[in-house]
Amino acid sequence: MLREFLISEAMHALGIPTTRSLGVIKTGEIVLRETPLPGAIVVRMASSHLRVGTFEYSATLESREQQKALLDFAIRRHTPDLKNSDNQALDFLNQVIHRQAQLVAQWMSVGFIHGVMNTDNMTISGETIDYGPCAFMDTYDASTVFSSIDRKGDYAYGQQPSVAQWNLTRLAETLLPLMTSSLETAKVQAISALNDYPNIFEEHYFTILRKKLGLMSESKTDRLLFESLFHWLYHDRQDMTNSFVYLTNTHAQEIEKNPSKLFQKFYHNWIRRLKNQGTSLSEMQVEMAKVNPTIVPRNHKVEEALTAAENGDLSVIQKLLDALRQPFSRDERFSEYRKPLKDHSKNYKTFCGT
């Protein structure tokens, strides 16, 4: 529960849509998990707690009236602009697709791994929910998994966009009876909407990456530029957060001395793009500093805070919260929260505590 409090506050400070924790309340009971642990309840706040799973449950009741009532409520709550739509169910699906595509793109841009992306953990509102086995990636690797229950890597960092599409497909299935009287026509409409998802996700993701690199316009070469960036991060085992900080804070003359051939390939193409848009690296670093966090919830710092809390010391959590609530700060007071612990994440596991 304290993990949920910490990570949701960090996500909020990063500007990523999220449910939040009003507080964590101890129950006084001991809960038997991997080890006996003190029990607690998190009081979670959200614009609503409607999930894809809510619609799945409604569909099992086999009552069109109840399904329509749920859809009407969700529209009133989250998409009131659809009140006069000719096909509310289809337009609602499209809006949820856009929200989820944007949310997952934001997750990916900061190295966040949800850890358990089942349909009950995908909100209709587009807010992140349920922070059980989640964690942030240190060394960049798209196959990174931290959740102890994810033995096959189904919810690995790089799998998150496709898992979201799978979940959205489950939502679409529940909405078919409400789209049109013809089931076949409804299927065609839903499949068309779902097929748009990869392009919508990519558009959101590339938009964020351009901002992180100080690019103000689109180019046909952007995909290759991003591929070379992540090729460098992966093969040179670079820390994801600090690599963007490096690009944001370091003078061009120093960056040019970087001995990595993979980095140099990316760097020269990147500088060419900046020159083509009429800007220099130093000019755009000011803008990059606004979107590239220096502080994320480092796994070893989170574990340090949780261990202290279990032993009755909440001061470590409070210090961590102070840092996480200022993710773009360059203040040296927070320097300890910017450093990855070497090889800490190699065998790091998180556990679903509910």
Protein backbone atom coordinates (compact mmCIF):
# COMPACT_ATOMS: atom_id res chain seq x y z
CA MET A 1 0.00 0.00 0.00
CA LEU A 2 2.89 2.34 0.72
CA ARG A 3 4.36 1.44 -2.68
CA GLU A 4 1.09 2.57 -4.27
CA PHE A 5 1.24 5.83 -2.33
CA LEU A 6 4.84 6.51 -3.40
CA ILE A 7 4.55 5.60 -7.08
CA SER A 8 1.18 7.28 -7.67
CA GLU A 9 2.54 10.52 -6.19
CA ALA A 10 5.58 10.24 -8.44
CA MET A 11 3.38 9.68 -11.51
CA HIS A 12 1.23 12.67 -10.61
CA ALA A 13 4.30 14.88 -10.30
CA LEU A 14 5.54 13.60 -13.68
CA GLY A 15 2.25 14.75 -15.24
CA ILE A 16 1.06 11.22 -16.03
CA PRO A 17 -2.67 10.58 -15.45
CA THR A 18 -3.09 8.53 -12.30
CA THR A 19 -5.32 7.59 -9.45
CA ARG A 20 -3.93 8.91 -6.17
CA SER A 21 -3.74 7.74 -2.57
CA LEU A 22 -5.49 9.82 0.05
CA GLY A 23 -3.76 7.79 2.71
CA VAL A 24 -2.60 4.40 3.96
CA ILE A 25 -4.22 3.03 7.11
CA LYS A 26 -2.73 0.21 9.18
CA THR A 27 -5.19 -2.56 10.07
CA GLY A 28 -3.24 -3.97 13.00
CA GLU A 29 -3.31 -7.42 11.41
CA ILE A 30 -0.46 -9.49 10.04
CA VAL A 31 -0.89 -10.64 6.44
CA LEU A 32 0.82 -13.81 5.25
CA ARG A 33 2.48 -13.14 1.90
CA GLU A 34 6.00 -14.25 0.94
CA THR A 35 6.76 -13.30 4.55
CA PRO A 36 4.44 -12.10 7.34
CA LEU A 37 3.81 -8.39 6.82
CA PRO A 38 1.77 -5.71 8.58
CA GLY A 39 -1.62 -5.25 6.91
CA ALA A 40 -2.93 -1.93 5.62
CA ILE A 41 -5.61 -0.39 3.44
CA VAL A 42 -4.97 2.26 0.80
CA VAL A 43 -7.69 4.88 0.29
CA ARG A 44 -7.54 5.44 -3.46
CA MET A 45 -9.00 8.45 -5.27
CA ALA A 46 -9.95 8.46 -8.95
CA SER A 47 -12.21 10.29 -11.37
CA SER A 48 -14.04 6.95 -11.29
CA HIS A 49 -13.13 3.33 -10.63
CA LEU A 50 -14.65 2.05 -13.87
CA ARG A 51 -12.32 -0.39 -15.63
CA VAL A 52 -12.45 -2.58 -18.71
CA GLY A 53 -13.18 -5.35 -16.23
CA THR A 54 -16.30 -3.49 -15.08
CA PHE A 55 -17.68 -3.70 -18.61
CA GLU A 56 -16.67 -7.37 -18.85
CA TYR A 57 -18.56 -8.13 -15.66
CA SER A 58 -21.60 -6.24 -16.91
CA ALA A 59 -21.53 -8.27 -20.14
CA THR A 60 -21.64 -11.56 -18.20
CA LEU A 61 -24.99 -10.51 -16.73
CA GLU A 62 -26.43 -10.74 -20.26
CA SER A 63 -28.68 -7.76 -19.70
CA ARG A 64 -28.60 -5.21 -22.49
CA GLU A 65 -30.37 -2.76 -20.21
CA GLN A 66 -27.63 -3.01 -17.58
CA GLN A 67 -24.90 -2.71 -20.18
CA LYS A 68 -26.57 0.39 -21.60
CA ALA A 69 -26.95 1.87 -18.11
CA LEU A 70 -23.24 1.34 -17.45
CA LEU A 71 -22.28 2.92 -20.78
CA ASP A 72 -24.60 5.89 -20.14
CA PHE A 73 -23.04 6.43 -16.72
CA ALA A 74 -19.49 6.21 -18.12
CA ILE A 75 -20.34 8.72 -20.84
CA ARG A 76 -21.88 11.16 -18.35
CA ARG A 77 -18.84 10.77 -16.12
CA HIS A 78 -15.99 10.78 -18.64
CA THR A 79 -17.14 11.71 -22.14
CA PRO A 80 -20.17 14.04 -21.85
CA ASP A 81 -19.41 15.38 -25.33
CA LEU A 82 -20.82 12.09 -26.67
CA LYS A 83 -24.27 12.82 -25.27
CA ASN A 84 -25.71 13.49 -28.75
CA SER A 85 -23.56 11.01 -30.67
CA ASP A 86 -25.28 8.81 -33.25
CA ASN A 87 -23.17 5.82 -32.16
CA GLN A 88 -22.23 6.38 -28.54
CA ALA A 89 -20.73 2.92 -27.98
CA LEU A 90 -18.35 3.18 -30.94
CA ASP A 91 -17.36 6.78 -30.18
CA PHE A 92 -16.84 5.85 -26.53
CA LEU A 93 -14.54 2.99 -27.58
CA ASN A 94 -12.55 5.37 -29.77
CA GLN A 95 -12.09 7.83 -26.92
CA VAL A 96 -10.89 5.11 -24.54
CA ILE A 97 -8.47 3.88 -27.23
CA HIS A 98 -6.97 7.37 -27.53
CA ARG A 99 -6.69 7.78 -23.76
CA GLN A 100 -4.99 4.44 -23.24
CA ALA A 101 -2.62 4.94 -26.16
CA GLN A 102 -1.53 8.27 -24.71
CA LEU A 103 -1.22 6.85 -21.18
CA VAL A 104 0.97 3.90 -22.20
CA ALA A 105 3.12 6.22 -24.32
CA GLN A 106 3.69 8.35 -21.23
CA TRP A 107 4.58 5.24 -19.18
CA MET A 108 7.11 4.19 -21.79
CA SER A 109 8.74 7.62 -21.93
CA VAL A 110 9.84 7.39 -18.27
CA GLY A 111 10.61 3.66 -18.09
CA PHE A 112 7.55 2.73 -16.04
CA ILE A 113 6.51 -0.93 -15.99
CA HIS A 114 3.02 -1.54 -14.64
CA GLY A 115 3.61 -5.22 -13.97
CA VAL A 116 0.05 -6.57 -14.06
CA MET A 117 -1.92 -5.13 -16.97
CA ASN A 118 -5.04 -7.25 -16.75
CA THR A 119 -8.38 -5.79 -17.81
CA ASP A 120 -9.31 -5.01 -14.21
CA ASN A 121 -6.30 -2.70 -14.05
CA MET A 122 -7.18 -0.58 -17.10
CA THR A 123 -9.40 2.38 -16.34
CA ILE A 124 -11.94 3.87 -18.70
CA SER A 125 -10.75 7.35 -17.68
CA GLY A 126 -7.17 6.76 -18.84
CA GLU A 127 -5.73 7.02 -15.33
CA THR A 128 -3.05 4.64 -14.08
CA ILE A 129 -4.46 2.31 -11.42
CA ASP A 130 -3.17 -0.48 -9.17
CA TYR A 131 0.52 -0.14 -8.40
CA GLY A 132 1.08 -3.62 -6.96
CA PRO A 133 4.19 -5.07 -8.68
CA CYS A 134 5.10 -1.95 -10.67
CA ALA A 135 8.63 -0.56 -10.93
CA PHE A 136 10.80 1.81 -12.96
CA MET A 137 13.46 0.53 -15.31
CA ASP A 138 17.08 1.53 -14.67
CA THR A 139 19.25 -0.01 -17.43
CA TYR A 140 17.30 0.15 -20.69
CA ASP A 141 16.02 -3.21 -21.91
CA ALA A 142 12.61 -3.64 -23.54
CA SER A 143 12.32 -7.17 -22.11
CA THR A 144 12.60 -5.95 -18.51
CA VAL A 145 10.20 -7.61 -16.07
CA PHE A 146 10.07 -7.07 -12.32
CA SER A 147 6.76 -8.65 -11.29
CA SER A 148 7.24 -11.99 -9.52
CA ILE A 149 4.03 -13.37 -11.05
CA ASP A 150 4.97 -12.45 -14.64
CA ARG A 151 7.08 -15.51 -15.40
CA LYS A 152 6.67 -15.33 -19.19
CA GLY A 153 7.25 -11.60 -19.62
CA ASP A 154 3.68 -10.95 -20.74
CA TYR A 155 3.74 -7.50 -19.13
CA ALA A 156 7.37 -6.63 -19.88
CA TYR A 157 8.22 -2.99 -20.57
CA GLY A 158 8.16 -3.43 -24.34
CA GLN A 159 4.96 -5.51 -24.31
CA GLN A 160 2.81 -2.83 -22.70
CA PRO A 161 1.46 -1.23 -25.90
CA SER A 162 0.28 -4.56 -27.32
CA VAL A 163 -1.21 -5.66 -23.98
CA ALA A 164 -3.20 -2.44 -23.90
CA GLN A 165 -4.56 -3.22 -27.37
CA TRP A 166 -5.56 -6.71 -26.19
CA ASN A 167 -7.41 -5.17 -23.23
CA LEU A 168 -9.14 -2.67 -25.50
CA THR A 169 -10.28 -5.56 -27.68
CA ARG A 170 -11.98 -7.06 -24.62
CA LEU A 171 -13.73 -3.71 -24.05
CA ALA A 172 -14.84 -3.62 -27.69
CA GLU A 173 -16.39 -7.08 -27.33
CA THR A 174 -18.62 -5.88 -24.50
CA LEU A 175 -19.79 -2.87 -26.53
CA LEU A 176 -20.74 -4.74 -29.72
CA PRO A 177 -24.43 -5.20 -28.77
CA LEU A 178 -24.73 -1.45 -28.17
CA MET A 179 -23.14 -0.29 -31.43
CA THR A 180 -25.74 -1.36 -33.97
CA SER A 181 -28.49 -3.93 -34.41
CA SER A 182 -26.27 -5.84 -36.85
CA LEU A 183 -23.58 -7.80 -34.99
CA GLU A 184 -21.49 -8.17 -38.15
CA THR A 185 -21.55 -4.43 -38.79
CA ALA A 186 -20.60 -3.80 -35.17
CA LYS A 187 -17.63 -6.16 -35.49
CA VAL A 188 -16.39 -4.35 -38.60
CA GLN A 189 -16.67 -1.01 -36.79
CA ALA A 190 -14.86 -2.27 -33.69
CA ILE A 191 -12.07 -3.96 -35.64
CA SER A 192 -11.50 -0.78 -37.63
CA ALA A 193 -11.20 1.24 -34.41
CA LEU A 194 -8.83 -1.28 -32.83
CA ASN A 195 -6.67 -1.44 -35.95
CA ASP A 196 -6.06 2.29 -35.57
CA TYR A 197 -4.58 1.80 -32.10
CA PRO A 198 -0.93 1.09 -33.10
CA ASN A 199 -0.76 4.28 -35.17
CA ILE A 200 -2.43 6.31 -32.42
CA PHE A 201 0.01 4.95 -29.84
CA GLU A 202 2.99 5.63 -32.09
CA GLU A 203 1.82 9.18 -32.75
CA HIS A 204 1.61 9.90 -29.01
CA TYR A 205 4.91 8.13 -28.26
CA PHE A 206 6.84 9.85 -31.05
CA THR A 207 5.43 13.22 -29.97
CA ILE A 208 6.81 12.67 -26.47
CA LEU A 209 10.19 11.46 -27.76
CA ARG A 210 10.51 14.54 -29.97
CA LYS A 211 9.97 16.77 -26.93
CA LYS A 212 12.51 14.77 -24.94
CA LEU A 213 15.05 15.38 -27.72
CA GLY A 214 14.13 19.02 -28.35
CA LEU A 215 12.61 18.39 -31.78
CA MET A 216 9.87 20.84 -32.72
CA SER A 217 8.79 19.27 -36.00
CA GLU A 218 8.22 15.88 -37.57
CA SER A 219 10.56 14.19 -40.02
CA LYS A 220 10.39 10.98 -42.03
CA THR A 221 13.72 10.04 -40.48
CA ASP A 222 12.47 10.24 -36.88
CA ARG A 223 11.80 6.51 -36.59
CA LEU A 224 15.39 5.72 -37.54
CA LEU A 225 16.65 8.37 -35.12
CA PHE A 226 14.64 6.88 -32.24
CA GLU A 227 15.77 3.37 -33.16
CA SER A 228 19.41 4.45 -33.04
CA LEU A 229 18.80 6.11 -29.67
CA PHE A 230 17.40 2.95 -28.10
CA HIS A 231 19.99 0.80 -29.88
CA TRP A 232 22.65 2.80 -28.03
CA LEU A 233 20.81 2.60 -24.70
CA TYR A 234 20.37 -1.16 -24.95
CA HIS A 235 23.75 -2.28 -26.26
CA ASP A 236 25.77 0.10 -24.07
CA ARG A 237 23.59 -0.76 -21.04
CA GLN A 238 22.69 2.83 -20.32
CA ASP A 239 20.41 4.04 -17.57
CA MET A 240 17.26 5.27 -19.27
CA THR A 241 16.48 8.26 -17.05
CA ASN A 242 20.05 9.47 -16.71
CA SER A 243 20.74 9.11 -20.43
CA PHE A 244 18.12 11.73 -21.22
CA VAL A 245 19.49 13.86 -18.38
CA TYR A 246 22.95 13.49 -19.95
CA LEU A 247 21.61 14.76 -23.29
CA THR A 248 19.80 17.59 -21.52
CA ASN A 249 22.56 18.84 -19.24
CA THR A 250 25.85 18.20 -21.03
CA HIS A 251 27.61 20.73 -23.26
CA ALA A 252 27.91 19.68 -26.90
CA GLN A 253 31.70 19.79 -26.77
CA GLU A 254 31.69 17.24 -23.95
CA ILE A 255 29.07 15.03 -25.61
CA GLU A 256 31.20 14.89 -28.77
CA LYS A 257 33.92 13.13 -26.75
CA ASN A 258 31.65 10.19 -25.96
CA PRO A 259 33.66 7.16 -27.19
CA SER A 260 30.68 4.94 -28.02
CA LYS A 261 30.27 4.36 -31.77
CA LEU A 262 26.57 3.62 -31.26
CA PHE A 263 26.13 6.89 -29.42
CA GLN A 264 27.99 8.85 -32.07
CA LYS A 265 25.76 7.44 -34.80
CA PHE A 266 22.68 8.66 -32.92
CA TYR A 267 24.27 11.94 -31.86
CA HIS A 268 25.29 13.18 -35.31
CA ASN A 269 21.84 12.44 -36.75
CA TRP A 270 20.23 14.18 -33.79
CA ILE A 271 22.39 17.30 -34.13
CA ARG A 272 21.62 17.36 -37.86
CA ARG A 273 17.89 17.37 -37.04
CA LEU A 274 18.35 20.23 -34.57
CA LYS A 275 20.25 22.27 -37.17
CA ASN A 276 17.60 21.57 -39.79
CA GLN A 277 14.97 23.12 -37.52
CA GLY A 278 17.21 26.14 -36.99
CA THR A 279 18.16 25.51 -33.36
CA SER A 280 21.27 24.52 -31.46
CA LEU A 281 21.64 21.90 -28.74
CA SER A 282 22.12 24.54 -26.04
CA GLU A 283 18.90 26.31 -27.07
CA MET A 284 16.81 23.15 -26.97
CA GLN A 285 18.31 21.85 -23.72
CA VAL A 286 16.28 24.52 -21.94
CA GLU A 287 13.09 22.96 -23.33
CA MET A 288 14.33 19.40 -22.79
CA ALA A 289 14.86 20.11 -19.09
CA LYS A 290 11.10 20.67 -18.76
CA VAL A 291 10.23 17.13 -19.90
CA ASN A 292 13.18 14.94 -18.92
CA PRO A 293 12.95 14.05 -15.22
CA THR A 294 16.07 13.81 -13.11
CA ILE A 295 14.26 11.88 -10.38
CA VAL A 296 12.10 8.76 -10.71
CA PRO A 297 11.30 6.16 -8.03
CA ARG A 298 14.55 4.19 -8.12
CA ASN A 299 13.80 0.63 -7.05
CA HIS A 300 16.50 0.47 -4.38
CA LYS A 301 15.32 3.75 -2.85
CA VAL A 302 11.71 2.54 -2.81
CA GLU A 303 12.74 -0.70 -1.09
CA GLU A 304 14.87 1.23 1.39
CA ALA A 305 11.86 3.39 2.30
CA LEU A 306 9.45 0.45 2.56
CA THR A 307 11.84 -1.53 4.77
CA ALA A 308 12.26 1.45 7.09
CA ALA A 309 8.46 1.86 7.27
CA GLU A 310 8.02 -1.81 8.21
CA ASN A 311 10.42 -1.13 11.07
CA GLY A 312 8.39 1.87 12.22
CA ASP A 313 10.45 4.66 10.60
CA LEU A 314 8.40 6.77 8.17
CA SER A 315 11.02 9.49 7.81
CA VAL A 316 12.72 7.69 4.90
CA ILE A 317 9.44 7.59 2.98
CA GLN A 318 8.85 11.28 3.68
CA LYS A 319 12.28 12.21 2.31
CA LEU A 320 11.68 10.09 -0.78
CA LEU A 321 8.26 11.69 -1.31
CA ASP A 322 9.82 15.15 -1.10
CA ALA A 323 12.17 14.20 -3.93
CA LEU A 324 9.57 12.41 -6.07
CA ARG A 325 7.27 15.42 -5.95
CA GLN A 326 9.99 17.47 -7.70
CA PRO A 327 10.99 15.14 -10.57
CA PHE A 328 12.53 17.87 -12.75
CA SER A 329 14.56 19.46 -9.97
CA ARG A 330 18.33 19.95 -10.35
CA ASP A 331 18.67 20.63 -6.61
CA GLU A 332 21.73 18.89 -5.19
CA ARG A 333 19.74 18.02 -2.06
CA PHE A 334 18.18 15.23 -4.11
CA SER A 335 21.39 13.90 -5.67
CA GLU A 336 21.14 10.52 -3.90
CA TYR A 337 17.81 9.85 -5.66
CA ARG A 338 19.34 10.23 -9.12
CA LYS A 339 21.86 7.43 -8.84
CA PRO A 340 21.05 3.88 -9.96
CA LEU A 341 22.48 1.17 -7.75
CA LYS A 342 24.81 -0.94 -9.89
CA ASP A 343 23.26 -4.31 -10.78
CA HIS A 344 20.51 -3.78 -8.17
CA SER A 345 17.70 -4.31 -10.70
CA LYS A 346 19.27 -7.41 -12.26
CA ASN A 347 17.40 -9.84 -9.99
CA TYR A 348 14.94 -7.35 -8.53
CA LYS A 349 11.40 -8.65 -7.96
CA THR A 350 8.22 -6.89 -6.96
CA PHE A 351 5.18 -8.55 -5.45
CA CYS A 352 1.47 -7.90 -5.72
CA GLY A 353 0.49 -7.03 -2.17
CA THR A 354 -3.30 -7.07 -2.39
